[in-house]
C-alpha atoms as a PDB file:
ATOM      1  CA  UNK A   1     110.082 121.011 102.302  1.00  0.00           C
ATOM      2  CA  UNK A   2     107.233 120.471 104.774  1.00  0.00           C
ATOM      3  CA  UNK A   3     105.540 117.082 104.920  1.00  0.00           C
ATOM      4  CA  UNK A   4     102.411 115.733 106.572  1.00  0.00           C
ATOM      5  CA  UNK A   5     102.322 112.273 108.098  1.00  0.00           C
ATOM      6  CA  UNK A   6      99.015 110.518 107.488  1.00  0.00           C
ATOM      7  CA  UNK A   7      98.472 107.625 109.896  1.00  0.00           C
ATOM      8  CA  UNK A   8      95.856 104.920 109.953  1.00  0.00           C
ATOM      9  CA  UNK A   9      95.566 102.086 112.443  1.00  0.00           C
ATOM     10  CA  UNK A  10      93.714  98.811 112.418  1.00  0.00           C
ATOM     11  CA  UNK A  11      92.831  97.325 115.783  1.00  0.00           C
ATOM     12  CA  UNK A  12      91.279  94.299 117.425  1.00  0.00           C
ATOM     13  CA  UNK A  13      87.508  94.432 117.485  1.00  0.00           C
ATOM     14  CA  UNK A  14      84.369  92.362 117.258  1.00  0.00           C
ATOM     15  CA  UNK A  15      80.934  92.868 115.772  1.00  0.00           C
ATOM     16  CA  UNK A  16      79.438  95.704 117.819  1.00  0.00           C
ATOM     17  CA  UNK A  17      82.865  97.095 118.711  1.00  0.00           C
ATOM     18  CA  UNK A  18      84.843  97.209 121.929  1.00  0.00           C
ATOM     19  CA  UNK A  19      85.723 100.085 124.261  1.00  0.00           C
ATOM     20  CA  UNK A  20      88.969 101.852 123.337  1.00  0.00           C
ATOM     21  CA  UNK A  21      90.677 100.370 126.406  1.00  0.00           C
ATOM     22  CA  UNK A  22      89.970  96.852 125.080  1.00  0.00           C
ATOM     23  CA  UNK A  23      91.158  97.486 121.524  1.00  0.00           C
ATOM     24  CA  UNK A  24      94.771  96.952 120.482  1.00  0.00           C
ATOM     25  CA  UNK A  25      96.602  98.068 117.377  1.00  0.00           C
ATOM     26  CA  UNK A  26      97.233  95.221 114.928  1.00  0.00           C
ATOM     27  CA  UNK A  27      98.468  97.272 111.963  1.00  0.00           C
ATOM     28  CA  UNK A  28     100.182 100.631 111.535  1.00  0.00           C
ATOM     29  CA  UNK A  29     100.097 102.344 108.171  1.00  0.00           C
ATOM     30  CA  UNK A  30     101.615 105.729 107.416  1.00  0.00           C
ATOM     31  CA  UNK A  31     102.044 107.798 104.297  1.00  0.00           C
ATOM     32  CA  UNK A  32     104.382 110.794 104.380  1.00  0.00           C
ATOM     33  CA  UNK A  33     103.035 113.302 101.873  1.00  0.00           C
ATOM     34  CA  UNK A  34     103.474 116.793 100.523  1.00  0.00           C
ATOM     35  CA  UNK A  35     100.763 119.396 101.025  1.00  0.00           C
ATOM     36  CA  UNK A  36      99.410 118.346  97.629  1.00  0.00           C
ATOM     37  CA  UNK A  37      99.006 114.769  98.873  1.00  0.00           C
ATOM     38  CA  UNK A  38     101.890 113.258  96.887  1.00  0.00           C
ATOM     39  CA  UNK A  39     103.540 110.375  98.734  1.00  0.00           C
ATOM     40  CA  UNK A  40     107.201 110.838  99.658  1.00  0.00           C
ATOM     41  CA  UNK A  41     107.601 107.675 101.757  1.00  0.00           C
ATOM     42  CA  UNK A  42     105.456 105.052 103.461  1.00  0.00           C
ATOM     43  CA  UNK A  43     105.509 102.670 106.437  1.00  0.00           C
ATOM     44  CA  UNK A  44     103.471  99.569 107.212  1.00  0.00           C
ATOM     45  CA  UNK A  45     103.767  96.878 109.857  1.00  0.00           C
ATOM     46  CA  UNK A  46     101.610  94.399 111.714  1.00  0.00           C
ATOM     47  CA  UNK A  47     101.484  94.360 115.522  1.00  0.00           C
ATOM     48  CA  UNK A  48     100.935  91.365 117.778  1.00  0.00           C
ATOM     49  CA  UNK A  49      98.076  92.033 120.237  1.00  0.00           C
ATOM     50  CA  UNK A  50      98.718  91.204 123.870  1.00  0.00           C
ATOM     51  CA  UNK A  51      95.331  91.358 125.665  1.00  0.00           C
ATOM     52  CA  UNK A  52      93.401  89.352 123.083  1.00  0.00           C
ATOM     53  CA  UNK A  53      95.946  87.630 120.857  1.00  0.00           C
ATOM     54  CA  UNK A  54      93.275  85.717 118.892  1.00  0.00           C
ATOM     55  CA  UNK A  55      91.614  87.896 116.262  1.00  0.00           C
ATOM     56  CA  UNK A  56      87.855  87.525 116.107  1.00  0.00           C
ATOM     57  CA  UNK A  57      86.332  86.260 112.847  1.00  0.00           C
ATOM     58  CA  UNK A  58      84.701  89.705 112.470  1.00  0.00           C
ATOM     59  CA  UNK A  59      88.090  91.443 112.788  1.00  0.00           C
ATOM     60  CA  UNK A  60      89.764  89.103 110.274  1.00  0.00           C
ATOM     61  CA  UNK A  61      86.927  89.586 107.782  1.00  0.00           C
ATOM     62  CA  UNK A  62      86.807  93.385 108.214  1.00  0.00           C
ATOM     63  CA  UNK A  63      90.546  94.017 107.972  1.00  0.00           C
ATOM     64  CA  UNK A  64      91.703  91.121 105.789  1.00  0.00           C
ATOM     65  CA  UNK A  65      94.474  90.655 108.364  1.00  0.00           C
ATOM     66  CA  UNK A  66      95.144  87.007 109.127  1.00  0.00           C
ATOM     67  CA  UNK A  67      95.960  85.410 112.444  1.00  0.00           C
ATOM     68  CA  UNK A  68      99.333  84.428 110.949  1.00  0.00           C
ATOM     69  CA  UNK A  69     100.055  88.109 110.143  1.00  0.00           C
ATOM     70  CA  UNK A  70      99.738  89.156 113.788  1.00  0.00           C
ATOM     71  CA  UNK A  71     101.257  85.968 115.225  1.00  0.00           C
ATOM     72  CA  UNK A  72     104.456  86.672 113.284  1.00  0.00           C
ATOM     73  CA  UNK A  73     104.492  90.378 114.212  1.00  0.00           C
ATOM     74  CA  UNK A  74     106.378  92.236 116.918  1.00  0.00           C
ATOM     75  CA  UNK A  75     104.645  93.568 120.016  1.00  0.00           C
ATOM     76  CA  UNK A  76     103.551  97.223 120.008  1.00  0.00           C
ATOM     77  CA  UNK A  77     106.694  98.481 121.781  1.00  0.00           C
ATOM     78  CA  UNK A  78     108.994  96.922 119.151  1.00  0.00           C
ATOM     79  CA  UNK A  79     106.743  97.822 116.208  1.00  0.00           C
ATOM     80  CA  UNK A  80     106.534 101.431 117.406  1.00  0.00           C
ATOM     81  CA  UNK A  81     110.316 101.596 117.812  1.00  0.00           C
ATOM     82  CA  UNK A  82     110.574 100.556 114.154  1.00  0.00           C
ATOM     83  CA  UNK A  83     108.079 103.239 113.198  1.00  0.00           C
ATOM     84  CA  UNK A  84     109.961 105.897 115.196  1.00  0.00           C
ATOM     85  CA  UNK A  85     113.211 104.822 113.506  1.00  0.00           C
ATOM     86  CA  UNK A  86     111.599 105.251 110.099  1.00  0.00           C
ATOM     87  CA  UNK A  87     110.048 108.576 111.111  1.00  0.00           C
ATOM     88  CA  UNK A  88     113.348 109.933 112.474  1.00  0.00           C
ATOM     89  CA  UNK A  89     114.683 110.206 108.915  1.00  0.00           C
ATOM     90  CA  UNK A  90     111.859 112.673 108.178  1.00  0.00           C
ATOM     91  CA  UNK A  91     111.482 114.462 111.542  1.00  0.00           C
ATOM     92  CA  UNK A  92     112.968 117.783 110.364  1.00  0.00           C
ATOM     93  CA  UNK A  93     110.359 118.047 107.581  1.00  0.00           C
ATOM     94  CA  UNK A  94     107.320 117.063 109.653  1.00  0.00           C
ATOM     95  CA  UNK A  95     104.622 119.755 109.659  1.00  0.00           C
ATOM     96  CA  UNK A  96     101.898 117.749 111.418  1.00  0.00           C
ATOM     97  CA  UNK A  97     100.422 114.300 111.642  1.00  0.00           C
ATOM     98  CA  UNK A  98      96.998 113.572 110.254  1.00  0.00           C
ATOM     99  CA  UNK A  99      94.291 110.956 110.757  1.00  0.00           C
ATOM    100  CA  UNK A 100      90.743 110.498 109.500  1.00  0.00           C
ATOM    101  CA  UNK A 101      88.810 111.269 112.666  1.00  0.00           C
ATOM    102  CA  UNK A 102      90.091 111.160 116.222  1.00  0.00           C
ATOM    103  CA  UNK A 103      90.150 107.392 116.786  1.00  0.00           C
ATOM    104  CA  UNK A 104      93.771 106.901 115.668  1.00  0.00           C
ATOM    105  CA  UNK A 105      95.054 109.689 117.931  1.00  0.00           C
ATOM    106  CA  UNK A 106      93.150 108.343 120.942  1.00  0.00           C
ATOM    107  CA  UNK A 107      94.240 104.745 120.262  1.00  0.00           C
ATOM    108  CA  UNK A 108      97.889 105.821 120.050  1.00  0.00           C
ATOM    109  CA  UNK A 109      97.583 107.802 123.287  1.00  0.00           C
ATOM    110  CA  UNK A 110      96.156 104.678 124.941  1.00  0.00           C
ATOM    111  CA  UNK A 111      98.915 102.383 123.647  1.00  0.00           C
ATOM    112  CA  UNK A 112     101.711 104.879 124.420  1.00  0.00           C
ATOM    113  CA  UNK A 113     100.341 105.011 127.966  1.00  0.00           C
ATOM    114  CA  UNK A 114      99.897 101.224 128.297  1.00  0.00           C
ATOM    115  CA  UNK A 115     103.399 100.471 126.998  1.00  0.00           C
ATOM    116  CA  UNK A 116     105.046 103.529 128.581  1.00  0.00           C
ATOM    117  CA  UNK A 117     106.299 104.585 125.168  1.00  0.00           C
ATOM    118  CA  UNK A 118     107.361 108.096 124.216  1.00  0.00           C
ATOM    119  CA  UNK A 119     106.772 109.329 120.659  1.00  0.00           C
ATOM    120  CA  UNK A 120     107.871 112.339 118.649  1.00  0.00           C
ATOM    121  CA  UNK A 121     104.202 112.599 117.633  1.00  0.00           C
ATOM    122  CA  UNK A 122     103.312 113.606 121.181  1.00  0.00           C
ATOM    123  CA  UNK A 123     105.043 116.931 120.483  1.00  0.00           C
ATOM    124  CA  UNK A 124     103.728 117.287 116.922  1.00  0.00           C
ATOM    125  CA  UNK A 125     100.453 118.941 115.939  1.00  0.00           C
ATOM    126  CA  UNK A 126      97.636 116.541 115.052  1.00  0.00           C
ATOM    127  CA  UNK A 127      95.025 117.289 112.376  1.00  0.00           C
ATOM    128  CA  UNK A 128      91.647 115.574 112.417  1.00  0.00           C
ATOM    129  CA  UNK A 129      91.130 115.566 108.662  1.00  0.00           C
ATOM    130  CA  UNK A 130      87.572 114.255 108.959  1.00  0.00           C
ATOM    131  CA  UNK A 131      86.595 117.466 110.778  1.00  0.00           C
ATOM    132  CA  UNK A 132      88.652 119.661 108.439  1.00  0.00           C
ATOM    133  CA  UNK A 133      87.089 118.088 105.348  1.00  0.00           C
ATOM    134  CA  UNK A 134      83.567 118.540 106.770  1.00  0.00           C
ATOM    135  CA  UNK A 135      84.290 122.201 107.513  1.00  0.00           C
ATOM    136  CA  UNK A 136      85.871 122.829 104.100  1.00  0.00           C
ATOM    137  CA  UNK A 137      82.844 121.222 102.368  1.00  0.00           C
ATOM    138  CA  UNK A 138      80.273 122.838 104.702  1.00  0.00           C
ATOM    139  CA  UNK A 139      78.878 119.419 105.622  1.00  0.00           C
ATOM    140  CA  UNK A 140      76.218 119.136 108.328  1.00  0.00           C
ATOM    141  CA  UNK A 141      78.171 116.262 109.840  1.00  0.00           C
ATOM    142  CA  UNK A 142      81.512 114.603 109.068  1.00  0.00           C
ATOM    143  CA  UNK A 143      81.559 111.863 106.437  1.00  0.00           C
ATOM    144  CA  UNK A 144      83.283 108.507 106.507  1.00  0.00           C
ATOM    145  CA  UNK A 145      86.437 108.157 104.434  1.00  0.00           C
ATOM    146  CA  UNK A 146      84.786 106.384 101.504  1.00  0.00           C
ATOM    147  CA  UNK A 147      81.895 108.879 101.441  1.00  0.00           C
ATOM    148  CA  UNK A 148      84.316 111.806 101.601  1.00  0.00           C
ATOM    149  CA  UNK A 149      86.273 110.427  98.655  1.00  0.00           C
ATOM    150  CA  UNK A 150      83.029 110.104  96.679  1.00  0.00           C
ATOM    151  CA  UNK A 151      82.049 113.684  97.575  1.00  0.00           C
ATOM    152  CA  UNK A 152      85.438 114.756  96.208  1.00  0.00           C
ATOM    153  CA  UNK A 153      84.825 112.812  92.989  1.00  0.00           C
ATOM    154  CA  UNK A 154      87.369 110.119  93.890  1.00  0.00           C
ATOM    155  CA  UNK A 155      87.159 106.348  94.247  1.00  0.00           C
ATOM    156  CA  UNK A 156      88.721 104.426  97.125  1.00  0.00           C
ATOM    157  CA  UNK A 157      91.970 102.878  95.944  1.00  0.00           C
ATOM    158  CA  UNK A 158      93.077  99.536  97.436  1.00  0.00           C
ATOM    159  CA  UNK A 159      91.565  97.401 100.194  1.00  0.00           C
ATOM    160  CA  UNK A 160      89.425  99.249 102.748  1.00  0.00           C
ATOM    161  CA  UNK A 161      90.308  98.722 106.420  1.00  0.00           C
ATOM    162  CA  UNK A 162      93.969  98.114 105.709  1.00  0.00           C
ATOM    163  CA  UNK A 163      96.128 100.701 107.396  1.00  0.00           C
ATOM    164  CA  UNK A 164      98.429 101.817 104.581  1.00  0.00           C
ATOM    165  CA  UNK A 165      95.655 101.910 101.963  1.00  0.00           C
ATOM    166  CA  UNK A 166      93.399 103.896 104.321  1.00  0.00           C
ATOM    167  CA  UNK A 167      96.281 106.308 105.066  1.00  0.00           C
ATOM    168  CA  UNK A 168      96.976 106.778 101.365  1.00  0.00           C
ATOM    169  CA  UNK A 169      93.311 107.458 100.610  1.00  0.00           C
ATOM    170  CA  UNK A 170      93.142 109.922 103.503  1.00  0.00           C
ATOM    171  CA  UNK A 171      96.205 111.676 102.050  1.00  0.00           C
ATOM    172  CA  UNK A 172      94.306 112.205  98.796  1.00  0.00           C
ATOM    173  CA  UNK A 173      91.858 114.402 100.735  1.00  0.00           C
ATOM    174  CA  UNK A 174      94.567 116.486 102.437  1.00  0.00           C
ATOM    175  CA  UNK A 175      94.847 119.184  99.736  1.00  0.00           C
ATOM    176  CA  UNK A 176      91.042 119.524  99.701  1.00  0.00           C
ATOM    177  CA  UNK A 177      90.862 119.984 103.474  1.00  0.00           C
ATOM    178  CA  UNK A 178      93.628 122.412 104.386  1.00  0.00           C
ATOM    179  CA  UNK A 179      93.218 126.174 104.022  1.00  0.00           C
ATOM    180  CA  UNK A 180      94.819 127.675 100.933  1.00  0.00           C
ATOM    181  CA  UNK A 181      98.495 128.453 101.320  1.00  0.00           C
ATOM    182  CA  UNK A 182      99.466 132.039 101.955  1.00  0.00           C
ATOM    183  CA  UNK A 183     101.566 133.586  99.179  1.00  0.00           C
END
């Protein structure tokens, strides 16, 4: 059976944001789902930032990730190896990987490059579900995740700006954003 991997990342930031090259992943969340959005498996881990190891107050408040969470975490290379190990048990079923918008894909490309890490996702199709949802709903411009859920008649479930919860909520929009299956 085909599965879609929905990924969400949380990263270091400050009020006003930072350039992508200055941001670092601090949490990886992934929900492996069926085409209907039903979760088959999930993955979550914190990541210790290297460039700016101290989280800003803005980042801690936004993500609800504590300094202790990232201090106790593995570096990106080790965290990603754990993710790849988890993903390897599902690799044969993987149809595509999905994120809400293009940020997560670009941040992963940056970190894979910085850490000289190879990923199975580099050879797997990526779906920008934010764009797909906007197209499916004939929206003038793409909506944020919470707004998209509201447009679909759904409420956000869990804590916003936490990777696994964001991935799970994104997965709820998957069946509303993909073209109908061919018979």
